[in-house]
Amino acid sequence: APPIEEAVLELRDRFGWGPQKIHDHFSAAPRAQPLPCARTLARILVRHNRILQSATPPSLPQAFERSFPNQLWQFDFKGALEVNRQRVNPFVVLDDHSRYLLALKPCRDKTNRTAWDVLWELFDRHGLPDAVLCDNAFSGQRLEGLPSISWIEMCLIRAGVKPLHGRPYHPQTQGKVERLNGTLERELFPRVRTDAFEHFETDCDLWRCTIYNTFRPHEALGGRTPLSRWMPSSKKRPAKLPEISYPAGSLLRKVSTVGDVRWDGYRILGGHGLIGQFVRIAPAAHDIELFFGEKLIRKIPLDALVRDKLL
């Protein structure tokens, strides 16, 4: 019927949604007339030149999903956009279970400090997640090919949040963030104002709050909205970052200004992110382990140690 076609086209033009999402939106409320199936809605969009005729889309790989909100957050910087002739990188934070978009924050740089400032504010507003997942751009720099720990990882550990990373060159690990990036490209960025940073920021947050989290059906949630699954964390953020505590009698060393510690004449890399922090050294029969809090940073065989060589 013409009213149904008009409603379908209005949703497509306003939000850029596909037929399945439009079908899920209409299905959420009782209707006087029977609702056509998603394939019929697709034919409407094709007939009115909103989408091209295409073959059946390939099936998506099975994705993992945490069982409850705040068990895992994912975050990343989006690729740069031009806003009022300036480069802007939106920083996104997404709850893994609910797909609730906690932050869509335009930033003028991609530093760990900027990312941490956004996370710290989110921890205050929503509580602490158990863990966060990010790509290796947020992990420690590898000096001389050796693993280390970054400054933002240090902050997360002190806050009681476990940092996790995807495998290098494997964006599928952060598939939910990658799909969100595609949604932003299709549904938000073509419609957002870019004449001023303040306008861009306002439009991003308005879309996050009133469209993505509360109005837009999510296919992975069975046509429900992220808000229907989301709840804040019961773990409250401390007023300031606590210092790491260790058991009595632990063998501790302070990380130097070049990111290493010394033990028994050996130099062991901890990472520039740990400069000024204390780490625990745990010698064993065949190897030596280095811990920051409960996180194992390094495990080195004793026979691989060389005096005055950074390991």
Protein backbone atom coordinates (compact mmCIF):
# COMPACT_ATOMS: atom_id res chain seq x y z
CA ALA A 1 0.00 0.00 0.00
CA PRO A 2 1.23 3.56 -0.70
CA PRO A 3 1.37 4.57 3.01
CA ILE A 4 3.68 1.62 3.74
CA GLU A 5 5.92 2.47 0.79
CA GLU A 6 6.10 6.09 1.92
CA ALA A 7 7.02 5.08 5.47
CA VAL A 8 9.71 2.69 4.20
CA LEU A 9 11.24 5.35 1.95
CA GLU A 10 11.10 7.96 4.72
CA LEU A 11 13.10 5.71 7.07
CA ARG A 12 15.60 4.91 4.34
CA ASP A 13 16.12 8.57 3.46
CA ARG A 14 16.34 9.68 7.08
CA PHE A 15 18.61 6.98 8.52
CA GLY A 16 20.06 5.06 5.56
CA TRP A 17 18.71 1.74 6.92
CA GLY A 18 18.40 -1.44 4.91
CA PRO A 19 15.24 -3.57 4.51
CA GLN A 20 15.86 -5.87 7.50
CA LYS A 21 16.42 -3.00 9.91
CA ILE A 22 13.34 -1.17 8.60
CA HIS A 23 11.34 -4.39 9.05
CA ASP A 24 12.61 -4.78 12.63
CA HIS A 25 11.65 -1.18 13.41
CA PHE A 26 8.08 -1.60 12.17
CA SER A 27 7.74 -4.99 13.89
CA ALA A 28 8.43 -3.46 17.30
CA ALA A 29 4.98 -1.81 17.43
CA PRO A 30 1.47 -3.22 16.72
CA ARG A 31 0.11 -2.35 13.27
CA ALA A 32 -3.39 -2.25 11.83
CA GLN A 33 -2.18 -3.69 8.50
CA PRO A 34 -0.01 -6.77 8.02
CA LEU A 35 3.66 -5.87 7.60
CA PRO A 36 5.37 -7.05 4.39
CA CYS A 37 8.44 -9.25 4.81
CA ALA A 38 11.97 -7.85 4.53
CA ARG A 39 12.30 -9.09 0.93
CA THR A 40 9.24 -7.05 -0.08
CA LEU A 41 10.71 -4.00 1.63
CA ALA A 42 13.93 -4.60 -0.31
CA ARG A 43 11.97 -4.62 -3.58
CA ILE A 44 10.37 -1.30 -2.59
CA LEU A 45 13.82 0.22 -2.04
CA VAL A 46 15.08 -1.18 -5.36
CA ARG A 47 12.02 0.03 -7.24
CA HIS A 48 12.51 3.57 -5.94
CA ASN A 49 16.26 3.58 -6.62
CA ARG A 50 17.28 3.66 -2.96
CA ILE A 51 19.39 0.49 -3.25
CA LEU A 52 20.68 -1.63 -6.10
CA GLN A 53 19.43 -5.11 -6.87
CA SER A 54 21.93 -7.53 -5.35
CA ALA A 55 22.42 -11.21 -4.83
CA THR A 56 21.75 -12.86 -1.46
CA PRO A 57 24.37 -11.48 0.95
CA PRO A 58 26.97 -13.98 2.22
CA SER A 59 26.49 -15.40 5.67
CA LEU A 60 28.50 -13.68 8.39
CA PRO A 61 31.05 -15.59 10.48
CA GLN A 62 30.00 -16.58 13.98
CA ALA A 63 30.92 -13.80 16.40
CA PHE A 64 31.70 -14.16 20.08
CA GLU A 65 29.61 -12.21 22.58
CA ARG A 66 29.99 -11.70 26.31
CA SER A 67 27.07 -12.83 28.44
CA PHE A 68 26.45 -9.63 30.40
CA PRO A 69 27.01 -5.88 30.02
CA ASN A 70 30.36 -4.51 31.17
CA GLN A 71 32.19 -7.82 30.95
CA LEU A 72 34.02 -6.33 27.99
CA TRP A 73 34.18 -2.93 26.31
CA GLN A 74 35.76 -2.39 22.90
CA PHE A 75 37.34 0.90 21.88
CA ASP A 76 39.25 2.41 18.98
CA PHE A 77 39.94 5.59 17.07
CA LYS A 78 38.03 6.00 13.83
CA GLY A 79 39.90 7.14 10.75
CA ALA A 80 40.38 10.87 10.33
CA LEU A 81 37.65 13.13 8.96
CA GLU A 82 37.87 16.77 7.95
CA VAL A 83 35.83 19.13 10.12
CA ASN A 84 36.20 22.84 9.40
CA ARG A 85 39.51 22.10 7.64
CA GLN A 86 40.88 20.21 10.64
CA ARG A 87 41.61 16.50 11.06
CA VAL A 88 39.27 14.89 13.60
CA ASN A 89 39.41 11.27 14.81
CA PRO A 90 36.21 10.05 16.53
CA PHE A 91 36.97 7.81 19.52
CA VAL A 92 34.36 5.06 19.94
CA VAL A 93 33.67 2.87 22.99
CA LEU A 94 31.18 0.00 22.66
CA ASP A 95 29.85 -2.53 25.17
CA ASP A 96 30.39 -6.02 23.77
CA HIS A 97 27.20 -7.66 25.07
CA SER A 98 24.63 -4.94 24.44
CA ARG A 99 26.36 -3.03 21.60
CA TYR A 100 25.56 0.07 23.67
CA LEU A 101 27.64 2.94 22.28
CA LEU A 102 29.16 4.54 25.37
CA ALA A 103 31.18 7.17 23.53
CA LEU A 104 31.44 8.71 20.08
CA LYS A 105 33.87 11.47 20.95
CA PRO A 106 35.55 13.59 18.26
CA CYS A 107 39.23 14.08 19.15
CA ARG A 108 41.92 16.27 17.65
CA ASP A 109 44.65 13.65 18.17
CA LYS A 110 45.00 9.88 18.67
CA THR A 111 47.24 9.80 21.74
CA ASN A 112 46.91 7.41 24.66
CA ARG A 113 46.37 10.42 26.91
CA THR A 114 43.33 11.55 24.91
CA ALA A 115 41.86 8.03 24.88
CA TRP A 116 42.41 7.68 28.62
CA ASP A 117 40.68 10.99 29.39
CA VAL A 118 37.56 9.74 27.58
CA LEU A 119 37.69 6.35 29.33
CA TRP A 120 38.22 7.89 32.76
CA GLU A 121 35.10 10.03 32.33
CA LEU A 122 33.11 6.98 31.14
CA PHE A 123 34.26 4.98 34.16
CA ASP A 124 32.86 7.72 36.38
CA ARG A 125 29.52 7.83 34.52
CA HIS A 126 28.93 4.11 33.90
CA GLY A 127 31.23 2.25 36.30
CA LEU A 128 34.17 -0.02 35.51
CA PRO A 129 34.09 -2.89 32.99
CA ASP A 130 35.88 -6.14 33.76
CA ALA A 131 38.07 -5.80 30.66
CA VAL A 132 38.60 -3.68 27.57
CA LEU A 133 39.58 -4.83 24.07
CA CYS A 134 41.58 -2.61 21.73
CA ASP A 135 43.99 -3.04 18.86
CA ASN A 136 47.76 -3.13 19.18
CA ALA A 137 48.08 0.62 18.57
CA PHE A 138 47.38 0.94 22.32
CA SER A 139 49.87 -1.74 23.39
CA GLY A 140 53.45 -1.10 24.47
CA GLN A 141 56.13 -0.14 22.00
CA ARG A 142 58.43 -3.00 21.20
CA LEU A 143 61.98 -1.90 21.82
CA GLU A 144 64.57 -4.11 20.12
CA GLY A 145 61.73 -6.54 19.36
CA LEU A 146 60.92 -7.06 23.07
CA PRO A 147 57.36 -6.92 24.43
CA SER A 148 56.52 -4.14 26.87
CA ILE A 149 53.52 -2.38 28.40
CA SER A 150 52.00 0.96 27.40
CA TRP A 151 51.00 3.89 29.57
CA ILE A 152 47.27 3.36 28.98
CA GLU A 153 47.62 -0.33 29.89
CA MET A 154 49.31 0.74 33.12
CA CYS A 155 46.40 3.07 33.92
CA LEU A 156 43.81 0.38 33.16
CA ILE A 157 45.54 -2.15 35.42
CA ARG A 158 45.71 0.36 38.26
CA ALA A 159 41.99 1.05 37.79
CA GLY A 160 41.23 -2.69 38.06
CA VAL A 161 40.38 -3.19 34.36
CA LYS A 162 42.06 -5.95 32.35
CA PRO A 163 43.52 -4.75 29.00
CA LEU A 164 43.15 -7.14 26.04
CA HIS A 165 44.42 -6.81 22.47
CA GLY A 166 43.48 -8.31 19.14
CA ARG A 167 46.01 -10.25 17.11
CA PRO A 168 48.13 -8.11 14.77
CA TYR A 169 46.59 -7.74 11.27
CA HIS A 170 43.39 -9.44 12.49
CA PRO A 171 40.61 -6.79 12.69
CA GLN A 172 37.96 -9.52 13.05
CA THR A 173 38.82 -9.67 16.77
CA GLN A 174 37.21 -6.25 17.08
CA GLY A 175 34.42 -7.07 14.65
CA LYS A 176 31.77 -5.11 16.55
CA VAL A 177 33.80 -1.90 16.38
CA GLU A 178 34.54 -2.55 12.69
CA ARG A 179 30.81 -2.97 11.97
CA LEU A 180 30.12 0.21 13.92
CA ASN A 181 32.63 2.04 11.73
CA GLY A 182 30.66 0.92 8.66
CA THR A 183 27.42 2.13 10.26
CA LEU A 184 28.96 5.53 10.94
CA GLU A 185 30.09 5.80 7.32
CA ARG A 186 26.62 4.93 5.97
CA GLU A 187 24.20 6.44 8.45
CA LEU A 188 25.84 9.32 10.32
CA PHE A 189 28.76 10.97 8.55
CA PRO A 190 26.89 11.77 5.30
CA ARG A 191 24.35 13.72 7.37
CA VAL A 192 26.46 15.28 10.13
CA ARG A 193 27.48 18.95 10.13
CA THR A 194 31.16 19.54 9.47
CA ASP A 195 31.24 23.35 9.37
CA ALA A 196 32.42 23.59 13.01
CA PHE A 197 33.92 21.18 15.54
CA GLU A 198 31.18 22.00 18.07
CA HIS A 199 28.43 21.20 15.53
CA PHE A 200 30.10 17.91 14.59
CA GLU A 201 30.47 16.93 18.26
CA THR A 202 26.84 17.80 19.03
CA ASP A 203 25.48 15.83 16.05
CA CYS A 204 27.59 12.77 16.92
CA ASP A 205 26.38 12.69 20.52
CA LEU A 206 22.76 13.33 19.52
CA TRP A 207 22.86 10.43 17.05
CA ARG A 208 24.49 8.19 19.66
CA CYS A 209 21.89 8.96 22.33
CA THR A 210 18.65 9.32 20.37
CA ILE A 211 19.20 7.04 17.37
CA TYR A 212 21.84 4.35 17.78
CA ASN A 213 21.28 3.36 21.42
CA THR A 214 17.55 3.91 21.80
CA PHE A 215 15.80 3.86 18.41
CA ARG A 216 17.80 1.93 15.79
CA PRO A 217 17.10 -1.85 15.72
CA HIS A 218 20.22 -4.02 15.86
CA GLU A 219 20.12 -7.23 13.82
CA ALA A 220 22.58 -9.03 16.11
CA LEU A 221 20.18 -8.31 19.01
CA GLY A 222 17.18 -9.78 17.22
CA GLY A 223 15.88 -6.38 16.15
CA ARG A 224 16.11 -4.90 19.64
CA THR A 225 17.94 -1.71 20.60
CA PRO A 226 21.23 -1.63 22.59
CA LEU A 227 19.45 0.16 25.44
CA SER A 228 17.23 -2.90 25.95
CA ARG A 229 20.31 -4.92 26.98
CA TRP A 230 22.42 -2.26 28.67
CA MET A 231 22.86 -1.49 32.36
CA PRO A 232 25.62 0.42 34.20
CA SER A 233 28.36 -1.44 36.04
CA SER A 234 28.14 -2.00 39.77
CA LYS A 235 31.93 -1.48 40.05
CA LYS A 236 32.45 2.19 40.90
CA ARG A 237 35.41 4.18 39.68
CA PRO A 238 37.83 5.37 42.39
CA ALA A 239 38.31 9.11 42.87
CA LYS A 240 41.90 8.73 41.65
CA LEU A 241 44.03 5.92 40.32
CA PRO A 242 45.17 3.68 43.21
CA GLU A 243 48.76 2.52 43.45
CA ILE A 244 49.51 -1.13 42.85
CA SER A 245 49.98 -3.13 46.05
CA TYR A 246 52.09 -6.28 46.34
CA PRO A 247 52.27 -9.07 48.94
CA ALA A 248 54.66 -8.52 51.81
CA GLY A 249 58.16 -9.73 51.07
CA SER A 250 57.84 -9.28 47.28
CA LEU A 251 61.03 -8.52 45.35
CA LEU A 252 60.28 -5.09 43.88
CA ARG A 253 62.12 -2.84 41.46
CA LYS A 254 61.28 0.66 40.24
CA VAL A 255 61.13 1.06 36.47
CA SER A 256 63.82 3.48 35.28
CA THR A 257 63.45 6.49 32.99
CA VAL A 258 64.34 4.27 30.01
CA GLY A 259 61.72 1.63 30.88
CA ASP A 260 63.89 -1.13 32.37
CA VAL A 261 64.68 -2.62 35.77
CA ARG A 262 67.90 -4.15 37.02
CA TRP A 263 68.20 -7.41 38.90
CA ASP A 264 71.40 -9.26 39.77
CA GLY A 265 73.30 -7.37 37.07
CA TYR A 266 70.71 -8.00 34.35
CA ARG A 267 68.58 -5.41 32.53
CA ILE A 268 64.94 -6.39 31.94
CA LEU A 269 62.54 -4.27 29.88
CA GLY A 270 59.25 -3.36 31.54
CA GLY A 271 58.10 -0.64 29.14
CA HIS A 272 58.03 3.14 28.92
CA GLY A 273 54.46 3.06 30.17
CA LEU A 274 55.72 1.83 33.55
CA ILE A 275 58.34 4.52 34.16
CA GLY A 276 58.32 5.37 37.86
CA GLN A 277 56.14 2.34 38.78
CA PHE A 278 57.17 -0.62 40.92
CA VAL A 279 57.17 -4.12 39.41
CA ARG A 280 57.57 -7.49 41.09
CA ILE A 281 60.38 -9.85 40.12
CA ALA A 282 59.72 -13.55 40.66
CA PRO A 283 62.82 -15.74 40.06
CA ALA A 284 62.13 -19.47 39.63
CA ALA A 285 64.25 -22.54 38.98
CA HIS A 286 64.47 -22.10 35.21
CA ASP A 287 63.15 -18.61 34.43
CA ILE A 288 62.38 -15.19 35.81
CA GLU A 289 58.99 -13.49 35.66
CA LEU A 290 58.15 -9.79 35.80
CA PHE A 291 54.73 -8.66 37.08
CA PHE A 292 52.89 -5.37 37.25
CA GLY A 293 50.19 -6.04 39.79
CA GLU A 294 48.80 -9.41 38.74
CA LYS A 295 49.68 -8.95 35.06
CA LEU A 296 52.61 -11.01 33.82
CA ILE A 297 54.74 -8.70 31.68
CA ARG A 298 57.75 -10.87 30.88
CA LYS A 299 58.91 -14.45 31.32
CA ILE A 300 62.56 -15.02 30.44
CA PRO A 301 64.55 -18.29 30.67
CA LEU A 302 67.49 -17.87 33.02
CA ASP A 303 69.89 -19.27 30.43
CA ALA A 304 68.87 -16.44 28.05
CA LEU A 305 69.98 -13.69 30.45
CA VAL A 306 73.12 -11.78 29.50
CA ARG A 307 74.84 -9.27 31.77
CA ASP A 308 74.22 -5.61 30.82
CA LYS A 309 72.11 -6.60 27.79
CA LEU A 310 68.51 -5.40 27.66
CA LEU A 311 66.13 -8.35 27.64
